[in-house]
Amino acid sequence: MKNIVPEKILWRRDKKGFPTPERKWMKILKPDFIKIVNESKAELSPYFNIDLILKEYDSIVSNPEIKSHFLWKIYNFAKWKKMYGVS
């Protein structure tokens, strides 16, 4: 962002990240998640236990004790692989 964002902002030390509502998104995106993951199952299986993830999906997104952000990452990985034809 150099030469785009002012130096005063670019090098600020008090910048903070912010949480994203991935758990909420994954509840909403469940049908698309299942579709995309099933379509990419062969390519994803070396990295993830897809059958277990699909079986436990509801309990993962509804249990705040379980860090569900990995579902968001799997979803985006599967979408990216499909979009760019990566196998």
PDB file of N, CA and C in Angstrom:
ATOM      1  N   MET A   1       0.825  -1.187   0.000  1.00  0.00           N
ATOM      2  CA  MET A   1       0.000   0.000   0.000  1.00  0.00           C
ATOM      3  C   MET A   1       0.875   1.259   0.000  1.00  0.00           C
ATOM      4  N   LYS A   2       2.193   1.066  -0.081  1.00  0.00           N
ATOM      5  CA  LYS A   2       3.090   2.217  -0.123  1.00  0.00           C
ATOM      6  C   LYS A   2       2.730   3.100  -1.316  1.00  0.00           C
ATOM      7  N   ASN A   3       2.777   4.389  -1.116  1.00  0.00           N
ATOM      8  CA  ASN A   3       2.435   5.409  -2.115  1.00  0.00           C
ATOM      9  C   ASN A   3       0.930   5.467  -2.403  1.00  0.00           C
ATOM     10  N   ILE A   4       0.162   4.683  -1.693  1.00  0.00           N
ATOM     11  CA  ILE A   4      -1.296   4.736  -1.826  1.00  0.00           C
ATOM     12  C   ILE A   4      -1.900   5.248  -0.524  1.00  0.00           C
ATOM     13  N   VAL A   5      -1.483   4.628   0.575  1.00  0.00           N
ATOM     14  CA  VAL A   5      -1.955   5.022   1.893  1.00  0.00           C
ATOM     15  C   VAL A   5      -0.930   6.001   2.485  1.00  0.00           C
ATOM     16  N   PRO A   6      -1.395   7.075   3.104  1.00  0.00           N
ATOM     17  CA  PRO A   6      -0.452   8.022   3.706  1.00  0.00           C
ATOM     18  C   PRO A   6       0.482   7.335   4.707  1.00  0.00           C
ATOM     19  N   GLU A   7       1.749   7.753   4.713  1.00  0.00           N
ATOM     20  CA  GLU A   7       2.763   7.166   5.609  1.00  0.00           C
ATOM     21  C   GLU A   7       2.299   7.175   7.064  1.00  0.00           C
ATOM     22  N   LYS A   8       1.634   8.248   7.468  1.00  0.00           N
ATOM     23  CA  LYS A   8       1.160   8.385   8.847  1.00  0.00           C
ATOM     24  C   LYS A   8       0.251   7.214   9.238  1.00  0.00           C
ATOM     25  N   ILE A   9      -0.550   6.759   8.294  1.00  0.00           N
ATOM     26  CA  ILE A   9      -1.462   5.642   8.543  1.00  0.00           C
ATOM     27  C   ILE A   9      -0.749   4.313   8.314  1.00  0.00           C
ATOM     28  N   LEU A  10       0.050   4.254   7.268  1.00  0.00           N
ATOM     29  CA  LEU A  10       0.729   3.016   6.884  1.00  0.00           C
ATOM     30  C   LEU A  10       1.571   2.433   8.014  1.00  0.00           C
ATOM     31  N   TRP A  11       2.257   3.262   8.745  1.00  0.00           N
ATOM     32  CA  TRP A  11       3.178   2.782   9.773  1.00  0.00           C
ATOM     33  C   TRP A  11       2.657   2.945  11.195  1.00  0.00           C
ATOM     34  N   ARG A  12       1.344   3.170  11.347  1.00  0.00           N
ATOM     35  CA  ARG A  12       0.759   3.271  12.680  1.00  0.00           C
ATOM     36  C   ARG A  12       0.970   1.973  13.452  1.00  0.00           C
ATOM     37  N   ARG A  13       1.289   2.080  14.713  1.00  0.00           N
ATOM     38  CA  ARG A  13       1.510   0.893  15.558  1.00  0.00           C
ATOM     39  C   ARG A  13       0.250   0.472  16.306  1.00  0.00           C
ATOM     40  N   ASP A  14      -0.775   1.307  16.289  1.00  0.00           N
ATOM     41  CA  ASP A  14      -1.978   0.990  17.056  1.00  0.00           C
ATOM     42  C   ASP A  14      -3.073   0.334  16.214  1.00  0.00           C
ATOM     43  N   LYS A  15      -2.717  -0.104  15.012  1.00  0.00           N
ATOM     44  CA  LYS A  15      -3.707  -0.769  14.154  1.00  0.00           C
ATOM     45  C   LYS A  15      -4.084  -2.119  14.772  1.00  0.00           C
ATOM     46  N   LYS A  16      -5.326  -2.484  14.626  1.00  0.00           N
ATOM     47  CA  LYS A  16      -5.811  -3.747  15.184  1.00  0.00           C
ATOM     48  C   LYS A  16      -6.623  -4.493  14.133  1.00  0.00           C
ATOM     49  N   GLY A  17      -6.544  -5.791  14.198  1.00  0.00           N
ATOM     50  CA  GLY A  17      -7.394  -6.611  13.349  1.00  0.00           C
ATOM     51  C   GLY A  17      -8.811  -6.593  13.905  1.00  0.00           C
ATOM     52  N   PHE A  18      -9.692  -7.226  13.205  1.00  0.00           N
ATOM     53  CA  PHE A  18     -11.068  -7.290  13.675  1.00  0.00           C
ATOM     54  C   PHE A  18     -11.621  -8.672  13.383  1.00  0.00           C
ATOM     55  N   PRO A  19     -12.496  -9.148  14.257  1.00  0.00           N
ATOM     56  CA  PRO A  19     -13.055 -10.486  14.047  1.00  0.00           C
ATOM     57  C   PRO A  19     -14.071 -10.486  12.907  1.00  0.00           C
ATOM     58  N   THR A  20     -14.157 -11.605  12.258  1.00  0.00           N
ATOM     59  CA  THR A  20     -15.169 -11.778  11.217  1.00  0.00           C
ATOM     60  C   THR A  20     -16.147 -12.856  11.676  1.00  0.00           C
ATOM     61  N   PRO A  21     -17.386 -12.760  11.270  1.00  0.00           N
ATOM     62  CA  PRO A  21     -18.408 -13.715  11.735  1.00  0.00           C
ATOM     63  C   PRO A  21     -18.436 -15.008  10.918  1.00  0.00           C
ATOM     64  N   GLU A  22     -17.305 -15.699  10.880  1.00  0.00           N
ATOM     65  CA  GLU A  22     -17.212 -16.911  10.058  1.00  0.00           C
ATOM     66  C   GLU A  22     -18.221 -17.979  10.458  1.00  0.00           C
ATOM     67  N   ARG A  23     -18.450 -18.145  11.755  1.00  0.00           N
ATOM     68  CA  ARG A  23     -19.414 -19.154  12.214  1.00  0.00           C
ATOM     69  C   ARG A  23     -20.801 -18.845  11.653  1.00  0.00           C
ATOM     70  N   LYS A  24     -21.193 -17.580  11.714  1.00  0.00           N
ATOM     71  CA  LYS A  24     -22.487 -17.155  11.176  1.00  0.00           C
ATOM     72  C   LYS A  24     -22.525 -17.380   9.659  1.00  0.00           C
ATOM     73  N   TRP A  25     -21.443 -17.014   8.974  1.00  0.00           N
ATOM     74  CA  TRP A  25     -21.390 -17.209   7.523  1.00  0.00           C
ATOM     75  C   TRP A  25     -21.530 -18.686   7.171  1.00  0.00           C
ATOM     76  N   MET A  26     -20.856 -19.548   7.939  1.00  0.00           N
ATOM     77  CA  MET A  26     -20.889 -20.968   7.617  1.00  0.00           C
ATOM     78  C   MET A  26     -22.267 -21.574   7.858  1.00  0.00           C
ATOM     79  N   LYS A  27     -23.028 -21.018   8.800  1.00  0.00           N
ATOM     80  CA  LYS A  27     -24.405 -21.481   8.981  1.00  0.00           C
ATOM     81  C   LYS A  27     -25.236 -21.117   7.760  1.00  0.00           C
ATOM     82  N   ILE A  28     -25.044 -19.925   7.260  1.00  0.00           N
ATOM     83  CA  ILE A  28     -25.781 -19.446   6.086  1.00  0.00           C
ATOM     84  C   ILE A  28     -25.342 -20.177   4.818  1.00  0.00           C
ATOM     85  N   LEU A  29     -24.041 -20.435   4.706  1.00  0.00           N
ATOM     86  CA  LEU A  29     -23.473 -21.014   3.482  1.00  0.00           C
ATOM     87  C   LEU A  29     -23.453 -22.539   3.459  1.00  0.00           C
ATOM     88  N   LYS A  30     -24.098 -23.168   4.414  1.00  0.00           N
ATOM     89  CA  LYS A  30     -24.059 -24.632   4.499  1.00  0.00           C
ATOM     90  C   LYS A  30     -24.393 -25.320   3.171  1.00  0.00           C
ATOM     91  N   PRO A  31     -25.495 -24.977   2.489  1.00  0.00           N
ATOM     92  CA  PRO A  31     -25.791 -25.675   1.227  1.00  0.00           C
ATOM     93  C   PRO A  31     -24.685 -25.518   0.181  1.00  0.00           C
ATOM     94  N   ASP A  32     -24.130 -24.322   0.067  1.00  0.00           N
ATOM     95  CA  ASP A  32     -23.059 -24.106  -0.905  1.00  0.00           C
ATOM     96  C   ASP A  32     -21.772 -24.801  -0.472  1.00  0.00           C
ATOM     97  N   PHE A  33     -21.485 -24.789   0.830  1.00  0.00           N
ATOM     98  CA  PHE A  33     -20.309 -25.484   1.350  1.00  0.00           C
ATOM     99  C   PHE A  33     -20.379 -26.962   0.981  1.00  0.00           C
ATOM    100  N   ILE A  34     -21.511 -27.587   1.258  1.00  0.00           N
ATOM    101  CA  ILE A  34     -21.674 -29.015   0.976  1.00  0.00           C
ATOM    102  C   ILE A  34     -21.529 -29.287  -0.517  1.00  0.00           C
ATOM    103  N   LYS A  35     -22.127 -28.462  -1.333  1.00  0.00           N
ATOM    104  CA  LYS A  35     -22.040 -28.628  -2.793  1.00  0.00           C
ATOM    105  C   LYS A  35     -20.597 -28.513  -3.272  1.00  0.00           C
ATOM    106  N   ILE A  36     -19.925 -27.435  -2.889  1.00  0.00           N
ATOM    107  CA  ILE A  36     -18.551 -27.183  -3.335  1.00  0.00           C
ATOM    108  C   ILE A  36     -17.594 -28.252  -2.834  1.00  0.00           C
ATOM    109  N   VAL A  37     -17.729 -28.625  -1.564  1.00  0.00           N
ATOM    110  CA  VAL A  37     -16.833 -29.627  -0.989  1.00  0.00           C
ATOM    111  C   VAL A  37     -17.072 -30.991  -1.637  1.00  0.00           C
ATOM    112  N   ASN A  38     -18.313 -31.343  -1.889  1.00  0.00           N
ATOM    113  CA  ASN A  38     -18.587 -32.622  -2.560  1.00  0.00           C
ATOM    114  C   ASN A  38     -18.055 -32.628  -3.980  1.00  0.00           C
ATOM    115  N   GLU A  39     -18.185 -31.507  -4.685  1.00  0.00           N
ATOM    116  CA  GLU A  39     -17.656 -31.411  -6.053  1.00  0.00           C
ATOM    117  C   GLU A  39     -16.135 -31.515  -6.069  1.00  0.00           C
ATOM    118  N   SER A  40     -15.494 -31.081  -5.005  1.00  0.00           N
ATOM    119  CA  SER A  40     -14.028 -31.061  -4.928  1.00  0.00           C
ATOM    120  C   SER A  40     -13.479 -32.153  -4.026  1.00  0.00           C
ATOM    121  N   LYS A  41     -14.313 -33.097  -3.671  1.00  0.00           N
ATOM    122  CA  LYS A  41     -13.939 -34.117  -2.686  1.00  0.00           C
ATOM    123  C   LYS A  41     -12.646 -34.847  -3.041  1.00  0.00           C
ATOM    124  N   ALA A  42     -12.490 -35.241  -4.283  1.00  0.00           N
ATOM    125  CA  ALA A  42     -11.287 -35.982  -4.685  1.00  0.00           C
ATOM    126  C   ALA A  42     -10.025 -35.146  -4.478  1.00  0.00           C
ATOM    127  N   GLU A  43     -10.112 -33.857  -4.811  1.00  0.00           N
ATOM    128  CA  GLU A  43      -8.944 -32.987  -4.666  1.00  0.00           C
ATOM    129  C   GLU A  43      -8.685 -32.604  -3.208  1.00  0.00           C
ATOM    130  N   LEU A  44      -9.738 -32.530  -2.402  1.00  0.00           N
ATOM    131  CA  LEU A  44      -9.585 -32.106  -1.014  1.00  0.00           C
ATOM    132  C   LEU A  44      -9.226 -33.242  -0.069  1.00  0.00           C
ATOM    133  N   SER A  45      -9.585 -34.463  -0.436  1.00  0.00           N
ATOM    134  CA  SER A  45      -9.389 -35.608   0.458  1.00  0.00           C
ATOM    135  C   SER A  45      -7.942 -35.833   0.908  1.00  0.00           C
ATOM    136  N   PRO A  46      -6.941 -35.535   0.080  1.00  0.00           N
ATOM    137  CA  PRO A  46      -5.571 -35.694   0.600  1.00  0.00           C
ATOM    138  C   PRO A  46      -5.255 -34.730   1.760  1.00  0.00           C
ATOM    139  N   TYR A  47      -6.004 -33.658   1.866  1.00  0.00           N
ATOM    140  CA  TYR A  47      -5.740 -32.642   2.880  1.00  0.00           C
ATOM    141  C   TYR A  47      -6.699 -32.696   4.067  1.00  0.00           C
ATOM    142  N   PHE A  48      -7.937 -33.117   3.813  1.00  0.00           N
ATOM    143  CA  PHE A  48      -8.986 -33.064   4.831  1.00  0.00           C
ATOM    144  C   PHE A  48      -9.804 -34.345   4.836  1.00  0.00           C
ATOM    145  N   ASN A  49     -10.338 -34.690   6.000  1.00  0.00           N
ATOM    146  CA  ASN A  49     -11.254 -35.821   6.112  1.00  0.00           C
ATOM    147  C   ASN A  49     -12.657 -35.274   5.802  1.00  0.00           C
ATOM    148  N   ILE A  50     -12.990 -35.222   4.528  1.00  0.00           N
ATOM    149  CA  ILE A  50     -14.224 -34.587   4.061  1.00  0.00           C
ATOM    150  C   ILE A  50     -15.465 -35.274   4.633  1.00  0.00           C
ATOM    151  N   ASP A  51     -15.478 -36.590   4.648  1.00  0.00           N
ATOM    152  CA  ASP A  51     -16.650 -37.299   5.169  1.00  0.00           C
ATOM    153  C   ASP A  51     -16.919 -36.925   6.628  1.00  0.00           C
ATOM    154  N   LEU A  52     -15.874 -36.847   7.428  1.00  0.00           N
ATOM    155  CA  LEU A  52     -16.036 -36.480   8.835  1.00  0.00           C
ATOM    156  C   LEU A  52     -16.488 -35.019   8.971  1.00  0.00           C
ATOM    157  N   ILE A  53     -15.906 -34.140   8.183  1.00  0.00           N
ATOM    158  CA  ILE A  53     -16.282 -32.722   8.231  1.00  0.00           C
ATOM    159  C   ILE A  53     -17.755 -32.554   7.875  1.00  0.00           C
ATOM    160  N   LEU A  54     -18.203 -33.217   6.827  1.00  0.00           N
ATOM    161  CA  LEU A  54     -19.609 -33.109   6.428  1.00  0.00           C
ATOM    162  C   LEU A  54     -20.526 -33.710   7.493  1.00  0.00           C
ATOM    163  N   LYS A  55     -20.101 -34.826   8.072  1.00  0.00           N
ATOM    164  CA  LYS A  55     -20.907 -35.486   9.102  1.00  0.00           C
ATOM    165  C   LYS A  55     -21.036 -34.603  10.346  1.00  0.00           C
ATOM    166  N   GLU A  56     -19.957 -33.914  10.706  1.00  0.00           N
ATOM    167  CA  GLU A  56     -19.927 -33.120  11.932  1.00  0.00           C
ATOM    168  C   GLU A  56     -20.212 -31.634  11.700  1.00  0.00           C
ATOM    169  N   TYR A  57     -20.564 -31.267  10.486  1.00  0.00           N
ATOM    170  CA  TYR A  57     -20.731 -29.855  10.122  1.00  0.00           C
ATOM    171  C   TYR A  57     -21.631 -29.095  11.095  1.00  0.00           C
ATOM    172  N   ASP A  58     -22.829 -29.590  11.327  1.00  0.00           N
ATOM    173  CA  ASP A  58     -23.783 -28.883  12.191  1.00  0.00           C
ATOM    174  C   ASP A  58     -23.249 -28.710  13.610  1.00  0.00           C
ATOM    175  N   SER A  59     -22.644 -29.748  14.152  1.00  0.00           N
ATOM    176  CA  SER A  59     -22.120 -29.632  15.512  1.00  0.00           C
ATOM    177  C   SER A  59     -20.916 -28.695  15.564  1.00  0.00           C
ATOM    178  N   ILE A  60     -20.145 -28.646  14.503  1.00  0.00           N
ATOM    179  CA  ILE A  60     -18.993 -27.736  14.459  1.00  0.00           C
ATOM    180  C   ILE A  60     -19.453 -26.283  14.473  1.00  0.00           C
ATOM    181  N   VAL A  61     -20.412 -25.930  13.622  1.00  0.00           N
ATOM    182  CA  VAL A  61     -20.838 -24.528  13.537  1.00  0.00           C
ATOM    183  C   VAL A  61     -21.728 -24.102  14.697  1.00  0.00           C
ATOM    184  N   SER A  62     -22.324 -25.039  15.400  1.00  0.00           N
ATOM    185  CA  SER A  62     -23.206 -24.650  16.496  1.00  0.00           C
ATOM    186  C   SER A  62     -22.526 -24.689  17.867  1.00  0.00           C
ATOM    187  N   ASN A  63     -21.335 -25.246  17.945  1.00  0.00           N
ATOM    188  CA  ASN A  63     -20.633 -25.356  19.220  1.00  0.00           C
ATOM    189  C   ASN A  63     -19.541 -24.285  19.315  1.00  0.00           C
ATOM    190  N   PRO A  64     -19.763 -23.253  20.149  1.00  0.00           N
ATOM    191  CA  PRO A  64     -18.765 -22.188  20.266  1.00  0.00           C
ATOM    192  C   PRO A  64     -17.430 -22.642  20.856  1.00  0.00           C
ATOM    193  N   GLU A  65     -17.408 -23.825  21.461  1.00  0.00           N
ATOM    194  CA  GLU A  65     -16.153 -24.368  21.998  1.00  0.00           C
ATOM    195  C   GLU A  65     -15.232 -24.861  20.883  1.00  0.00           C
ATOM    196  N   ILE A  66     -15.821 -25.143  19.716  1.00  0.00           N
ATOM    197  CA  ILE A  66     -15.039 -25.624  18.573  1.00  0.00           C
ATOM    198  C   ILE A  66     -14.692 -24.434  17.689  1.00  0.00           C
ATOM    199  N   LYS A  67     -13.437 -24.284  17.384  1.00  0.00           N
ATOM    200  CA  LYS A  67     -13.018 -23.207  16.495  1.00  0.00           C
ATOM    201  C   LYS A  67     -13.406 -23.602  15.069  1.00  0.00           C
ATOM    202  N   SER A  68     -14.428 -22.934  14.549  1.00  0.00           N
ATOM    203  CA  SER A  68     -14.991 -23.319  13.253  1.00  0.00           C
ATOM    204  C   SER A  68     -14.370 -22.580  12.081  1.00  0.00           C
ATOM    205  N   HIS A  69     -13.372 -21.729  12.340  1.00  0.00           N
ATOM    206  CA  HIS A  69     -12.786 -20.956  11.248  1.00  0.00           C
ATOM    207  C   HIS A  69     -12.166 -21.841  10.166  1.00  0.00           C
ATOM    208  N   PHE A  70     -11.800 -23.070  10.502  1.00  0.00           N
ATOM    209  CA  PHE A  70     -11.217 -23.948   9.496  1.00  0.00           C
ATOM    210  C   PHE A  70     -12.231 -24.303   8.404  1.00  0.00           C
ATOM    211  N   LEU A  71     -13.530 -24.307   8.738  1.00  0.00           N
ATOM    212  CA  LEU A  71     -14.546 -24.558   7.704  1.00  0.00           C
ATOM    213  C   LEU A  71     -14.526 -23.447   6.663  1.00  0.00           C
ATOM    214  N   TRP A  72     -14.396 -22.211   7.120  1.00  0.00           N
ATOM    215  CA  TRP A  72     -14.312 -21.064   6.219  1.00  0.00           C
ATOM    216  C   TRP A  72     -13.096 -21.201   5.303  1.00  0.00           C
ATOM    217  N   LYS A  73     -11.990 -21.662   5.851  1.00  0.00           N
ATOM    218  CA  LYS A  73     -10.763 -21.839   5.069  1.00  0.00           C
ATOM    219  C   LYS A  73     -10.919 -22.964   4.054  1.00  0.00           C
ATOM    220  N   ILE A  74     -11.531 -24.052   4.449  1.00  0.00           N
ATOM    221  CA  ILE A  74     -11.769 -25.159   3.519  1.00  0.00           C
ATOM    222  C   ILE A  74     -12.691 -24.700   2.392  1.00  0.00           C
ATOM    223  N   TYR A  75     -13.741 -23.998   2.757  1.00  0.00           N
ATOM    224  CA  TYR A  75     -14.698 -23.479   1.773  1.00  0.00           C
ATOM    225  C   TYR A  75     -13.995 -22.588   0.756  1.00  0.00           C
ATOM    226  N   ASN A  76     -13.196 -21.655   1.229  1.00  0.00           N
ATOM    227  CA  ASN A  76     -12.493 -20.748   0.326  1.00  0.00           C
ATOM    228  C   ASN A  76     -11.436 -21.476  -0.503  1.00  0.00           C
ATOM    229  N   PHE A  77     -10.763 -22.436   0.087  1.00  0.00           N
ATOM    230  CA  PHE A  77      -9.788 -23.242  -0.634  1.00  0.00           C
ATOM    231  C   PHE A  77     -10.460 -23.999  -1.774  1.00  0.00           C
ATOM    232  N   ALA A  78     -11.597 -24.630  -1.481  1.00  0.00           N
ATOM    233  CA  ALA A  78     -12.340 -25.388  -2.496  1.00  0.00           C
ATOM    234  C   ALA A  78     -12.838 -24.453  -3.607  1.00  0.00           C
ATOM    235  N   LYS A  79     -13.356 -23.283  -3.227  1.00  0.00           N
ATOM    236  CA  LYS A  79     -13.834 -22.315  -4.225  1.00  0.00           C
ATOM    237  C   LYS A  79     -12.672 -21.839  -5.096  1.00  0.00           C
ATOM    238  N   TRP A  80     -11.537 -21.543  -4.479  1.00  0.00           N
ATOM    239  CA  TRP A  80     -10.353 -21.080  -5.195  1.00  0.00           C
ATOM    240  C   TRP A  80      -9.865 -22.146  -6.181  1.00  0.00           C
ATOM    241  N   LYS A  81      -9.772 -23.396  -5.703  1.00  0.00           N
ATOM    242  CA  LYS A  81      -9.319 -24.496  -6.570  1.00  0.00           C
ATOM    243  C   LYS A  81     -10.241 -24.621  -7.785  1.00  0.00           C
ATOM    244  N   LYS A  82     -11.535 -24.523  -7.544  1.00  0.00           N
ATOM    245  CA  LYS A  82     -12.501 -24.648  -8.639  1.00  0.00           C
ATOM    246  C   LYS A  82     -12.412 -23.458  -9.588  1.00  0.00           C
ATOM    247  N   MET A  83     -12.352 -22.263  -9.037  1.00  0.00           N
ATOM    248  CA  MET A  83     -12.326 -21.048  -9.842  1.00  0.00           C
ATOM    249  C   MET A  83     -11.106 -20.998 -10.764  1.00  0.00           C
ATOM    250  N   TYR A  84      -9.963 -21.428 -10.255  1.00  0.00           N
ATOM    251  CA  TYR A  84      -8.721 -21.338 -11.028  1.00  0.00           C
ATOM    252  C   TYR A  84      -8.269 -22.672 -11.629  1.00  0.00           C
ATOM    253  N   GLY A  85      -9.085 -23.685 -11.497  1.00  0.00           N
ATOM    254  CA  GLY A  85      -8.773 -24.975 -12.119  1.00  0.00           C
ATOM    255  C   GLY A  85      -7.522 -25.622 -11.552  1.00  0.00           C
ATOM    256  N   VAL A  86      -7.248 -25.405 -10.278  1.00  0.00           N
ATOM    257  CA  VAL A  86      -6.078 -25.979  -9.634  1.00  0.00           C
ATOM    258  C   VAL A  86      -6.440 -27.378  -9.143  1.00  0.00           C
ATOM    259  N   SER A  87      -5.569 -28.336  -9.455  1.00  0.00           N
ATOM    260  CA  SER A  87      -5.834 -29.699  -8.957  1.00  0.00           C
ATOM    261  C   SER A  87      -4.598 -30.265  -8.313  1.00  0.00           C
TER     262      SER A  87
END
